[in-house]
Structure formats: structure tokens, C-alpha cells
PDB file of N, CA and C in Angstrom:
ATOM      1  N   ALA A   1     -82.403   5.381-152.068  1.00  0.00           N
ATOM      2  CA  ALA A   1     -83.713   5.048-151.517  1.00  0.00           C
ATOM      3  C   ALA A   1     -84.787   5.124-152.597  1.00  0.00           C
ATOM      4  N   LEU A   2     -84.645   6.078-153.507  1.00  0.00           N
ATOM      5  CA  LEU A   2     -85.634   6.218-154.573  1.00  0.00           C
ATOM      6  C   LEU A   2     -85.631   4.999-155.491  1.00  0.00           C
ATOM      7  N   VAL A   3     -84.447   4.499-155.804  1.00  0.00           N
ATOM      8  CA  VAL A   3     -84.346   3.316-156.667  1.00  0.00           C
ATOM      9  C   VAL A   3     -84.975   2.109-155.979  1.00  0.00           C
ATOM     10  N   ALA A   4     -84.690   1.933-154.705  1.00  0.00           N
ATOM     11  CA  ALA A   4     -85.257   0.801-153.960  1.00  0.00           C
ATOM     12  C   ALA A   4     -86.780   0.877-153.939  1.00  0.00           C
ATOM     13  N   SER A   5     -87.317   2.059-153.725  1.00  0.00           N
ATOM     14  CA  SER A   5     -88.770   2.229-153.713  1.00  0.00           C
ATOM     15  C   SER A   5     -89.366   1.929-155.080  1.00  0.00           C
ATOM     16  N   ALA A   6     -88.711   2.401-156.130  1.00  0.00           N
ATOM     17  CA  ALA A   6     -89.211   2.181-157.489  1.00  0.00           C
ATOM     18  C   ALA A   6     -89.197   0.695-157.847  1.00  0.00           C
ATOM     19  N   VAL A   7     -88.133   0.003-157.481  1.00  0.00           N
ATOM     20  CA  VAL A   7     -88.036  -1.435-157.774  1.00  0.00           C
ATOM     21  C   VAL A   7     -89.106  -2.198-156.999  1.00  0.00           C
ATOM     22  N   ALA A   8     -89.266  -1.879-155.739  1.00  0.00           N
ATOM     23  CA  ALA A   8     -90.272  -2.564-154.923  1.00  0.00           C
ATOM     24  C   ALA A   8     -91.677  -2.300-155.458  1.00  0.00           C
ATOM     25  N   ALA A   9     -91.958  -1.057-155.839  1.00  0.00           N
ATOM     26  CA  ALA A   9     -93.273  -0.724-156.388  1.00  0.00           C
ATOM     27  C   ALA A   9     -93.523  -1.494-157.680  1.00  0.00           C
ATOM     28  N   GLU A  10     -92.513  -1.599-158.522  1.00  0.00           N
ATOM     29  CA  GLU A  10     -92.638  -2.355-159.771  1.00  0.00           C
ATOM     30  C   GLU A  10     -92.943  -3.827-159.489  1.00  0.00           C
ATOM     31  N   GLN A  11     -92.276  -4.386-158.487  1.00  0.00           N
ATOM     32  CA  GLN A  11     -92.516  -5.786-158.134  1.00  0.00           C
ATOM     33  C   GLN A  11     -93.935  -5.988-157.616  1.00  0.00           C
ATOM     34  N   VAL A  12     -94.402  -5.072-156.783  1.00  0.00           N
ATOM     35  CA  VAL A  12     -95.758  -5.177-156.243  1.00  0.00           C
ATOM     36  C   VAL A  12     -96.778  -5.106-157.375  1.00  0.00           C
ATOM     37  N   LEU A  13     -96.616  -4.144-158.275  1.00  0.00           N
ATOM     38  CA  LEU A  13     -97.559  -4.007-159.384  1.00  0.00           C
ATOM     39  C   LEU A  13     -97.550  -5.243-160.280  1.00  0.00           C
ATOM     40  N   ASP A  14     -96.383  -5.844-160.470  1.00  0.00           N
ATOM     41  CA  ASP A  14     -96.294  -7.076-161.250  1.00  0.00           C
ATOM     42  C   ASP A  14     -97.062  -8.199-160.555  1.00  0.00           C
ATOM     43  N   LEU A  15     -96.907  -8.302-159.250  1.00  0.00           N
ATOM     44  CA  LEU A  15     -97.629  -9.331-158.497  1.00  0.00           C
ATOM     45  C   LEU A  15     -99.138  -9.104-158.542  1.00  0.00           C
ATOM     46  N   VAL A  16     -99.562  -7.846-158.485  1.00  0.00           N
ATOM     47  CA  VAL A  16    -100.990  -7.527-158.581  1.00  0.00           C
ATOM     48  C   VAL A  16    -101.529  -7.993-159.929  1.00  0.00           C
ATOM     49  N   GLU A  17    -100.778  -7.723-160.990  1.00  0.00           N
ATOM     50  CA  GLU A  17    -101.198  -8.162-162.328  1.00  0.00           C
ATOM     51  C   GLU A  17    -101.310  -9.681-162.418  1.00  0.00           C
ATOM     52  N   ARG A  18    -100.547 -10.379-161.598  1.00  0.00           N
ATOM     53  CA  ARG A  18    -100.563 -11.846-161.609  1.00  0.00           C
ATOM     54  C   ARG A  18    -101.576 -12.426-160.621  1.00  0.00           C
ATOM     55  N   GLY A  19    -102.360 -11.553-159.982  1.00  0.00           N
ATOM     56  CA  GLY A  19    -103.443 -12.026-159.134  1.00  0.00           C
ATOM     57  C   GLY A  19    -103.215 -11.960-157.640  1.00  0.00           C
ATOM     58  N   VAL A  20    -102.056 -11.506-157.211  1.00  0.00           N
ATOM     59  CA  VAL A  20    -101.804 -11.386-155.771  1.00  0.00           C
ATOM     60  C   VAL A  20    -102.518 -10.131-155.269  1.00  0.00           C
ATOM     61  N   GLY A  21    -103.275 -10.268-154.192  1.00  0.00           N
ATOM     62  CA  GLY A  21    -104.056  -9.143-153.712  1.00  0.00           C
ATOM     63  C   GLY A  21    -103.692  -8.640-152.331  1.00  0.00           C
ATOM     64  N   ASP A  22    -102.908  -9.385-151.600  1.00  0.00           N
ATOM     65  CA  ASP A  22    -102.564  -8.997-150.232  1.00  0.00           C
ATOM     66  C   ASP A  22    -101.055  -8.960-150.073  1.00  0.00           C
ATOM     67  N   PHE A  23    -100.592  -7.937-149.364  1.00  0.00           N
ATOM     68  CA  PHE A  23     -99.155  -7.760-149.160  1.00  0.00           C
ATOM     69  C   PHE A  23     -98.879  -7.392-147.714  1.00  0.00           C
ATOM     70  N   HIS A  24     -97.725  -7.767-147.256  1.00  0.00           N
ATOM     71  CA  HIS A  24     -97.255  -7.387-145.927  1.00  0.00           C
ATOM     72  C   HIS A  24     -95.819  -6.912-146.090  1.00  0.00           C
ATOM     73  N   PHE A  25     -95.560  -5.691-145.672  1.00  0.00           N
ATOM     74  CA  PHE A  25     -94.218  -5.128-145.790  1.00  0.00           C
ATOM     75  C   PHE A  25     -93.550  -5.096-144.419  1.00  0.00           C
ATOM     76  N   TYR A  26     -92.345  -5.578-144.345  1.00  0.00           N
ATOM     77  CA  TYR A  26     -91.527  -5.438-143.145  1.00  0.00           C
ATOM     78  C   TYR A  26     -90.719  -4.159-143.310  1.00  0.00           C
ATOM     79  N   THR A  27     -90.865  -3.226-142.381  1.00  0.00           N
ATOM     80  CA  THR A  27     -90.210  -1.929-142.538  1.00  0.00           C
ATOM     81  C   THR A  27     -88.743  -1.946-142.141  1.00  0.00           C
ATOM     82  N   MET A  28     -88.371  -2.832-141.227  1.00  0.00           N
ATOM     83  CA  MET A  28     -86.973  -2.910-140.774  1.00  0.00           C
ATOM     84  C   MET A  28     -86.419  -1.514-140.437  1.00  0.00           C
ATOM     85  N   ASN A  29     -87.234  -0.738-139.730  1.00  0.00           N
ATOM     86  CA  ASN A  29     -86.883   0.630-139.323  1.00  0.00           C
ATOM     87  C   ASN A  29     -86.676   1.563-140.511  1.00  0.00           C
ATOM     88  N   ARG A  30     -87.267   1.234-141.644  1.00  0.00           N
ATOM     89  CA  ARG A  30     -87.193   2.076-142.836  1.00  0.00           C
ATOM     90  C   ARG A  30     -88.611   2.346-143.344  1.00  0.00           C
ATOM     91  N   ALA A  31     -89.452   2.820-142.458  1.00  0.00           N
ATOM     92  CA  ALA A  31     -90.848   3.058-142.810  1.00  0.00           C
ATOM     93  C   ALA A  31     -90.984   4.042-143.962  1.00  0.00           C
ATOM     94  N   ASP A  32     -90.006   4.935-144.117  1.00  0.00           N
ATOM     95  CA  ASP A  32     -90.062   5.904-145.214  1.00  0.00           C
ATOM     96  C   ASP A  32     -90.058   5.213-146.577  1.00  0.00           C
ATOM     97  N   LEU A  33     -89.321   4.119-146.703  1.00  0.00           N
ATOM     98  CA  LEU A  33     -89.297   3.381-147.969  1.00  0.00           C
ATOM     99  C   LEU A  33     -90.644   2.719-148.249  1.00  0.00           C
ATOM    100  N   VAL A  34     -91.234   2.117-147.235  1.00  0.00           N
ATOM    101  CA  VAL A  34     -92.531   1.471-147.412  1.00  0.00           C
ATOM    102  C   VAL A  34     -93.600   2.517-147.704  1.00  0.00           C
ATOM    103  N   PHE A  35     -93.523   3.655-147.040  1.00  0.00           N
ATOM    104  CA  PHE A  35     -94.456   4.745-147.311  1.00  0.00           C
ATOM    105  C   PHE A  35     -94.343   5.181-148.768  1.00  0.00           C
ATOM    106  N   ALA A  36     -93.117   5.298-149.270  1.00  0.00           N
ATOM    107  CA  ALA A  36     -92.895   5.695-150.664  1.00  0.00           C
ATOM    108  C   ALA A  36     -93.452   4.654-151.626  1.00  0.00           C
ATOM    109  N   VAL A  37     -93.233   3.375-151.334  1.00  0.00           N
ATOM    110  CA  VAL A  37     -93.763   2.307-152.191  1.00  0.00           C
ATOM    111  C   VAL A  37     -95.286   2.391-152.234  1.00  0.00           C
ATOM    112  N   CYS A  38     -95.901   2.520-151.084  1.00  0.00           N
ATOM    113  CA  CYS A  38     -97.359   2.613-151.031  1.00  0.00           C
ATOM    114  C   CYS A  38     -97.859   3.815-151.821  1.00  0.00           C
ATOM    115  N   HIS A  39     -97.185   4.928-151.683  1.00  0.00           N
ATOM    116  CA  HIS A  39     -97.562   6.134-152.421  1.00  0.00           C
ATOM    117  C   HIS A  39     -97.442   5.894-153.927  1.00  0.00           C
ATOM    118  N   MET A  40     -96.379   5.233-154.347  1.00  0.00           N
ATOM    119  CA  MET A  40     -96.148   4.972-155.777  1.00  0.00           C
ATOM    120  C   MET A  40     -97.209   4.055-156.381  1.00  0.00           C
ATOM    121  N   ILE A  41     -97.729   3.129-155.592  1.00  0.00           N
ATOM    122  CA  ILE A  41     -98.717   2.195-156.134  1.00  0.00           C
ATOM    123  C   ILE A  41    -100.147   2.663-155.876  1.00  0.00           C
ATOM    124  N   GLY A  42    -100.301   3.846-155.298  1.00  0.00           N
ATOM    125  CA  GLY A  42    -101.621   4.439-155.150  1.00  0.00           C
ATOM    126  C   GLY A  42    -102.310   4.220-153.827  1.00  0.00           C
ATOM    127  N   ILE A  43    -101.589   3.722-152.845  1.00  0.00           N
ATOM    128  CA  ILE A  43    -102.168   3.539-151.514  1.00  0.00           C
ATOM    129  C   ILE A  43    -101.828   4.768-150.685  1.00  0.00           C
ATOM    130  N   ARG A  44    -102.861   5.406-150.158  1.00  0.00           N
ATOM    131  CA  ARG A  44    -102.660   6.612-149.359  1.00  0.00           C
ATOM    132  C   ARG A  44    -103.189   6.372-147.948  1.00  0.00           C
ATOM    133  N   SER A  45    -102.627   7.092-146.997  1.00  0.00           N
ATOM    134  CA  SER A  45    -103.105   6.979-145.619  1.00  0.00           C
ATOM    135  C   SER A  45    -104.460   7.670-145.496  1.00  0.00           C
ATOM    136  N   HIS A  46    -105.210   7.310-144.491  1.00  0.00           N
ATOM    137  CA  HIS A  46    -106.509   7.937-144.260  1.00  0.00           C
ATOM    138  C   HIS A  46    -106.342   9.428-143.998  1.00  0.00           C
ATOM    139  N   GLU A  47    -105.261   9.821-143.322  1.00  0.00           N
ATOM    140  CA  GLU A  47    -105.015  11.227-143.042  1.00  0.00           C
ATOM    141  C   GLU A  47    -104.789  12.002-144.336  1.00  0.00           C
ATOM    142  N   ALA A  48    -104.039  11.430-145.265  1.00  0.00           N
ATOM    143  CA  ALA A  48    -103.772  12.095-146.541  1.00  0.00           C
ATOM    144  C   ALA A  48    -105.054  12.217-147.360  1.00  0.00           C
ATOM    145  N   GLU A  49    -105.891  11.174-147.331  1.00  0.00           N
ATOM    146  CA  GLU A  49    -107.156  11.221-148.055  1.00  0.00           C
ATOM    147  C   GLU A  49    -108.060  12.301-147.473  1.00  0.00           C
ATOM    148  N   ALA A  50    -108.108  12.390-146.144  1.00  0.00           N
ATOM    149  CA  ALA A  50    -108.947  13.388-145.490  1.00  0.00           C
ATOM    150  C   ALA A  50    -108.455  14.795-145.807  1.00  0.00           C
ATOM    151  N   ALA A  51    -107.150  14.987-145.805  1.00  0.00           N
ATOM    152  CA  ALA A  51    -106.591  16.302-146.116  1.00  0.00           C
ATOM    153  C   ALA A  51    -106.881  16.670-147.565  1.00  0.00           C
ATOM    154  N   GLY A  52    -106.801  15.702-148.457  1.00  0.00           N
ATOM    155  CA  GLY A  52    -107.071  15.951-149.869  1.00  0.00           C
ATOM    156  C   GLY A  52    -108.522  16.310-150.118  1.00  0.00           C
ATOM    157  N   SER A  53    -109.448  15.629-149.448  1.00  0.00           N
ATOM    158  CA  SER A  53    -110.862  15.924-149.655  1.00  0.00           C
ATOM    159  C   SER A  53    -111.254  17.233-148.981  1.00  0.00           C
ATOM    160  N   ALA A  54    -110.569  17.606-147.906  1.00  0.00           N
ATOM    161  CA  ALA A  54    -110.851  18.873-147.242  1.00  0.00           C
ATOM    162  C   ALA A  54    -110.382  20.043-148.092  1.00  0.00           C
ATOM    163  N   ALA A  55    -109.326  19.841-148.876  1.00  0.00           N
ATOM    164  CA  ALA A  55    -108.791  20.906-149.720  1.00  0.00           C
ATOM    165  C   ALA A  55    -109.635  21.095-150.976  1.00  0.00           C
ATOM    166  N   ALA A  56    -110.412  20.082-151.348  1.00  0.00           N
ATOM    167  CA  ALA A  56    -111.197  20.151-152.601  1.00  0.00           C
ATOM    168  C   ALA A  56    -112.458  20.949-152.455  1.00  0.00           C
TER     169      ALA A  56
END
């Protein structure tokens, strides 16, 4: 699962560098992988952001 997340994150970052700005992920009942990809590319949930700012 870690390899799949890393490869997907690399592909997304490559697409961003090429000008793609919008993405849609199909989770196929594997939301944990999409969550990991989002985390790797710097996208955090609102709950995680709120928890982080509350801890600061």
C-alpha cells in the first residue's frame, strides 16, 4: 500500500508541475490509500488542520 501511495503521489505532483490543477480520486473502497496520497502531497483534512492549530 505504501508503494502504491508513493507512486500515485509522484504522478499527481508531476501533473501539477505540468499545469493540471484539479483531481478526482476514485477510492474503490480503499479510502486509506487516497488519504495517504493526499497527505503525501500536502492536502490535509479540515479536522487535521484544526487539531494542528489548536495544539500550537
